[in-house]
Amino acid sequence: MNQIKAFMGCFFIAVSAFLYAAKHITAAIISSNMNRADVNYYEGAYKIVGFGINFWTIASLLVGIVILISLLIQGASFPFIKKQTIEENPHQ
């Protein structure tokens, strides 16, 4: 169960990163045919993309962070972190 939660936390953070990149790429595509040497329309295109994608980017990031923090509070180890066991020396 903890591995599934860790995967879901990482998944939501990855979705957040994808949405963040998609916003910038969308603004670049929108402004690609409008830019001239003396004027840059990227900032206007960036504003056109709007608040919706920002909201979902931040929401996804927060959900991912909350899931991962809840696992840390529970004391769970993540799938990529191996717990090292200390073995006693039987020859003493």
N, C-alpha and C. Protein backbone atom coordinates (compact mmCIF):
# COMPACT_ATOMS: atom_id res chain seq x y z
N MET A 1 0.82 -1.19 0.00
CA MET A 1 0.00 0.00 0.00
C MET A 1 0.86 1.26 0.00
N ASN A 2 1.96 1.24 0.77
CA ASN A 2 2.83 2.41 0.83
C ASN A 2 3.53 2.66 -0.50
N GLN A 3 3.86 1.58 -1.21
CA GLN A 3 4.48 1.76 -2.52
C GLN A 3 3.52 2.39 -3.51
N ILE A 4 2.25 2.04 -3.42
CA ILE A 4 1.26 2.64 -4.29
C ILE A 4 1.10 4.12 -3.98
N LYS A 5 1.09 4.49 -2.70
CA LYS A 5 1.01 5.90 -2.32
C LYS A 5 2.24 6.67 -2.79
N ALA A 6 3.41 6.07 -2.67
CA ALA A 6 4.63 6.73 -3.13
C ALA A 6 4.59 6.93 -4.64
N PHE A 7 4.11 5.92 -5.36
CA PHE A 7 3.98 6.05 -6.81
C PHE A 7 2.99 7.15 -7.16
N MET A 8 1.87 7.22 -6.46
CA MET A 8 0.86 8.24 -6.74
C MET A 8 1.40 9.64 -6.44
N GLY A 9 2.14 9.79 -5.36
CA GLY A 9 2.75 11.08 -5.05
C GLY A 9 3.71 11.53 -6.14
N CYS A 10 4.56 10.62 -6.58
CA CYS A 10 5.50 10.94 -7.66
C CYS A 10 4.76 11.20 -8.97
N PHE A 11 3.68 10.48 -9.21
CA PHE A 11 2.88 10.68 -10.42
C PHE A 11 2.27 12.08 -10.45
N PHE A 12 1.71 12.53 -9.34
CA PHE A 12 1.11 13.85 -9.31
C PHE A 12 2.16 14.95 -9.48
N ILE A 13 3.34 14.76 -8.93
CA ILE A 13 4.41 15.73 -9.13
C ILE A 13 4.85 15.75 -10.58
N ALA A 14 4.90 14.57 -11.23
CA ALA A 14 5.26 14.50 -12.64
C ALA A 14 4.20 15.18 -13.51
N VAL A 15 2.93 15.00 -13.18
CA VAL A 15 1.85 15.67 -13.92
C VAL A 15 1.99 17.18 -13.77
N SER A 16 2.34 17.63 -12.59
CA SER A 16 2.54 19.06 -12.35
C SER A 16 3.68 19.59 -13.22
N ALA A 17 4.77 18.87 -13.31
CA ALA A 17 5.90 19.30 -14.15
C ALA A 17 5.50 19.32 -15.62
N PHE A 18 4.73 18.33 -16.05
CA PHE A 18 4.27 18.30 -17.44
C PHE A 18 3.37 19.48 -17.75
N LEU A 19 2.45 19.81 -16.85
CA LEU A 19 1.55 20.94 -17.07
C LEU A 19 2.32 22.27 -17.09
N TYR A 20 3.32 22.38 -16.25
CA TYR A 20 4.15 23.59 -16.22
C TYR A 20 4.86 23.77 -17.57
N ALA A 21 5.44 22.69 -18.07
CA ALA A 21 6.12 22.75 -19.37
C ALA A 21 5.13 23.00 -20.50
N ALA A 22 3.95 22.40 -20.41
CA ALA A 22 2.94 22.58 -21.45
C ALA A 22 2.49 24.04 -21.53
N LYS A 23 2.43 24.72 -20.41
CA LYS A 23 2.04 26.13 -20.43
C LYS A 23 3.05 26.96 -21.22
N HIS A 24 4.33 26.73 -20.97
CA HIS A 24 5.36 27.49 -21.66
C HIS A 24 5.41 27.14 -23.15
N ILE A 25 5.26 25.87 -23.47
CA ILE A 25 5.27 25.46 -24.87
C ILE A 25 4.07 26.02 -25.61
N THR A 26 2.90 26.02 -24.97
CA THR A 26 1.70 26.58 -25.58
C THR A 26 1.87 28.06 -25.86
N ALA A 27 2.41 28.80 -24.92
CA ALA A 27 2.65 30.23 -25.13
C ALA A 27 3.63 30.47 -26.26
N ALA A 28 4.65 29.63 -26.35
CA ALA A 28 5.63 29.78 -27.44
C ALA A 28 4.99 29.49 -28.79
N ILE A 29 4.12 28.49 -28.86
CA ILE A 29 3.45 28.17 -30.12
C ILE A 29 2.50 29.29 -30.53
N ILE A 30 1.77 29.82 -29.55
CA ILE A 30 0.83 30.90 -29.85
C ILE A 30 1.56 32.12 -30.40
N SER A 31 2.70 32.46 -29.82
CA SER A 31 3.40 33.67 -30.21
C SER A 31 4.40 33.45 -31.34
N SER A 32 4.55 32.24 -31.84
CA SER A 32 5.59 31.96 -32.83
C SER A 32 5.38 32.70 -34.15
N ASN A 33 4.15 32.89 -34.58
CA ASN A 33 3.90 33.57 -35.84
C ASN A 33 3.75 35.07 -35.69
N MET A 34 3.72 35.58 -34.47
CA MET A 34 3.50 37.00 -34.24
C MET A 34 4.78 37.76 -33.94
N ASN A 35 5.82 37.11 -33.49
CA ASN A 35 7.03 37.81 -33.05
C ASN A 35 7.74 38.49 -34.22
N ARG A 36 8.22 39.68 -33.94
CA ARG A 36 9.06 40.41 -34.88
C ARG A 36 10.33 40.79 -34.15
N ALA A 37 11.26 41.37 -34.88
CA ALA A 37 12.54 41.73 -34.27
C ALA A 37 12.39 42.82 -33.21
N ASP A 38 11.45 43.74 -33.41
CA ASP A 38 11.32 44.85 -32.48
C ASP A 38 10.27 44.62 -31.39
N VAL A 39 9.42 43.61 -31.53
CA VAL A 39 8.35 43.36 -30.56
C VAL A 39 8.33 41.88 -30.20
N ASN A 40 8.15 41.59 -28.91
CA ASN A 40 8.04 40.21 -28.45
C ASN A 40 6.66 40.01 -27.84
N TYR A 41 5.89 39.11 -28.41
CA TYR A 41 4.52 38.87 -27.95
C TYR A 41 4.41 37.68 -27.00
N TYR A 42 5.54 37.15 -26.57
CA TYR A 42 5.50 35.96 -25.71
C TYR A 42 4.79 36.23 -24.39
N GLU A 43 5.04 37.39 -23.79
CA GLU A 43 4.39 37.70 -22.50
C GLU A 43 2.88 37.76 -22.64
N GLY A 44 2.41 38.34 -23.74
CA GLY A 44 0.97 38.38 -23.99
C GLY A 44 0.39 36.99 -24.20
N ALA A 45 1.12 36.17 -24.94
CA ALA A 45 0.66 34.79 -25.17
C ALA A 45 0.69 34.00 -23.86
N TYR A 46 1.66 34.30 -23.02
CA TYR A 46 1.76 33.63 -21.72
C TYR A 46 0.55 33.95 -20.86
N LYS A 47 0.07 35.20 -20.94
CA LYS A 47 -1.12 35.59 -20.19
C LYS A 47 -2.38 34.99 -20.80
N ILE A 48 -2.40 34.78 -22.11
CA ILE A 48 -3.57 34.20 -22.78
C ILE A 48 -3.80 32.76 -22.31
N VAL A 49 -2.72 32.03 -22.08
CA VAL A 49 -2.84 30.64 -21.64
C VAL A 49 -3.66 30.57 -20.36
N GLY A 50 -3.48 31.53 -19.47
CA GLY A 50 -4.42 31.76 -18.40
C GLY A 50 -4.19 31.05 -17.08
N PHE A 51 -5.19 31.26 -16.23
CA PHE A 51 -5.14 30.80 -14.84
C PHE A 51 -5.45 29.31 -14.71
N GLY A 52 -6.24 28.76 -15.61
CA GLY A 52 -6.68 27.37 -15.48
C GLY A 52 -5.55 26.38 -15.37
N ILE A 53 -4.57 26.50 -16.25
CA ILE A 53 -3.45 25.55 -16.22
C ILE A 53 -2.58 25.80 -14.98
N ASN A 54 -2.48 27.05 -14.54
CA ASN A 54 -1.74 27.34 -13.30
C ASN A 54 -2.41 26.67 -12.11
N PHE A 55 -3.72 26.75 -12.05
CA PHE A 55 -4.46 26.15 -10.94
C PHE A 55 -4.20 24.65 -10.87
N TRP A 56 -4.32 23.96 -12.01
CA TRP A 56 -4.14 22.50 -12.01
C TRP A 56 -2.69 22.11 -11.77
N THR A 57 -1.75 22.94 -12.21
CA THR A 57 -0.34 22.67 -11.94
C THR A 57 -0.06 22.73 -10.44
N ILE A 58 -0.54 23.79 -9.80
CA ILE A 58 -0.32 23.96 -8.36
C ILE A 58 -1.08 22.90 -7.56
N ALA A 59 -2.31 22.60 -7.99
CA ALA A 59 -3.11 21.58 -7.29
C ALA A 59 -2.44 20.22 -7.36
N SER A 60 -1.94 19.86 -8.53
CA SER A 60 -1.28 18.57 -8.69
C SER A 60 0.01 18.50 -7.87
N LEU A 61 0.76 19.58 -7.85
CA LEU A 61 1.98 19.62 -7.06
C LEU A 61 1.68 19.47 -5.57
N LEU A 62 0.68 20.18 -5.09
CA LEU A 62 0.33 20.09 -3.67
C LEU A 62 -0.17 18.71 -3.29
N VAL A 63 -0.98 18.09 -4.15
CA VAL A 63 -1.47 16.73 -3.86
C VAL A 63 -0.29 15.76 -3.77
N GLY A 64 0.64 15.86 -4.71
CA GLY A 64 1.81 14.98 -4.69
C GLY A 64 2.66 15.18 -3.45
N ILE A 65 2.88 16.42 -3.07
CA ILE A 65 3.69 16.70 -1.88
C ILE A 65 2.99 16.22 -0.62
N VAL A 66 1.68 16.42 -0.54
CA VAL A 66 0.93 15.97 0.65
C VAL A 66 0.98 14.45 0.77
N ILE A 67 0.86 13.75 -0.34
CA ILE A 67 0.93 12.28 -0.28
C ILE A 67 2.30 11.83 0.19
N LEU A 68 3.36 12.42 -0.35
CA LEU A 68 4.70 12.01 0.05
C LEU A 68 5.00 12.38 1.51
N ILE A 69 4.54 13.54 1.96
CA ILE A 69 4.74 13.91 3.36
C ILE A 69 3.96 13.00 4.29
N SER A 70 2.76 12.59 3.88
CA SER A 70 1.99 11.67 4.72
C SER A 70 2.72 10.34 4.87
N LEU A 71 3.41 9.91 3.82
CA LEU A 71 4.20 8.68 3.93
C LEU A 71 5.37 8.85 4.87
N LEU A 72 6.01 10.02 4.82
CA LEU A 72 7.14 10.26 5.72
C LEU A 72 6.68 10.32 7.17
N ILE A 73 5.52 10.90 7.40
CA ILE A 73 4.99 10.97 8.76
C ILE A 73 4.67 9.57 9.30
N GLN A 74 4.19 8.71 8.41
CA GLN A 74 3.87 7.33 8.81
C GLN A 74 5.12 6.50 9.03
N GLY A 75 6.26 7.00 8.60
CA GLY A 75 7.51 6.27 8.78
C GLY A 75 7.75 5.22 7.72
N ALA A 76 7.10 5.34 6.60
CA ALA A 76 7.27 4.37 5.52
C ALA A 76 8.54 4.68 4.76
N SER A 77 9.14 3.64 4.20
CA SER A 77 10.30 3.84 3.34
C SER A 77 9.81 3.83 1.89
N PHE A 78 10.44 4.63 1.08
CA PHE A 78 10.05 4.72 -0.31
C PHE A 78 10.58 3.52 -1.07
N PRO A 79 10.00 3.20 -2.22
CA PRO A 79 10.44 2.02 -2.97
C PRO A 79 11.89 2.09 -3.40
N PHE A 80 12.42 3.28 -3.59
CA PHE A 80 13.79 3.40 -4.06
C PHE A 80 14.80 3.55 -2.91
N ILE A 81 14.34 3.51 -1.69
CA ILE A 81 15.23 3.56 -0.54
C ILE A 81 15.17 2.22 0.18
N LYS A 82 16.31 1.56 0.25
CA LYS A 82 16.36 0.25 0.90
C LYS A 82 16.74 0.44 2.37
N LYS A 83 16.03 -0.25 3.23
CA LYS A 83 16.37 -0.21 4.65
C LYS A 83 17.54 -1.17 4.88
N GLN A 84 18.54 -0.70 5.57
CA GLN A 84 19.68 -1.54 5.87
C GLN A 84 19.50 -2.14 7.26
N THR A 85 19.62 -3.44 7.31
CA THR A 85 19.50 -4.10 8.60
C THR A 85 20.89 -4.30 9.19
N ILE A 86 20.99 -4.13 10.47
CA ILE A 86 22.26 -4.32 11.17
C ILE A 86 22.26 -5.73 11.73
N GLU A 87 23.20 -6.51 11.23
CA GLU A 87 23.30 -7.90 11.69
C GLU A 87 24.35 -7.98 12.80
N GLU A 88 24.04 -8.76 13.80
CA GLU A 88 24.98 -8.94 14.88
C GLU A 88 26.06 -9.92 14.45
N ASN A 89 27.23 -9.74 14.97
CA ASN A 89 28.34 -10.60 14.65
C ASN A 89 28.21 -11.89 15.47
N PRO A 90 28.01 -13.04 14.81
CA PRO A 90 27.81 -14.30 15.55
C PRO A 90 29.11 -14.84 16.17
N HIS A 91 30.28 -14.29 15.81
CA HIS A 91 31.55 -14.80 16.29
C HIS A 91 32.01 -14.14 17.58
N GLN A 92 31.22 -13.30 18.16
CA GLN A 92 31.65 -12.66 19.40
C GLN A 92 31.08 -13.36 20.59
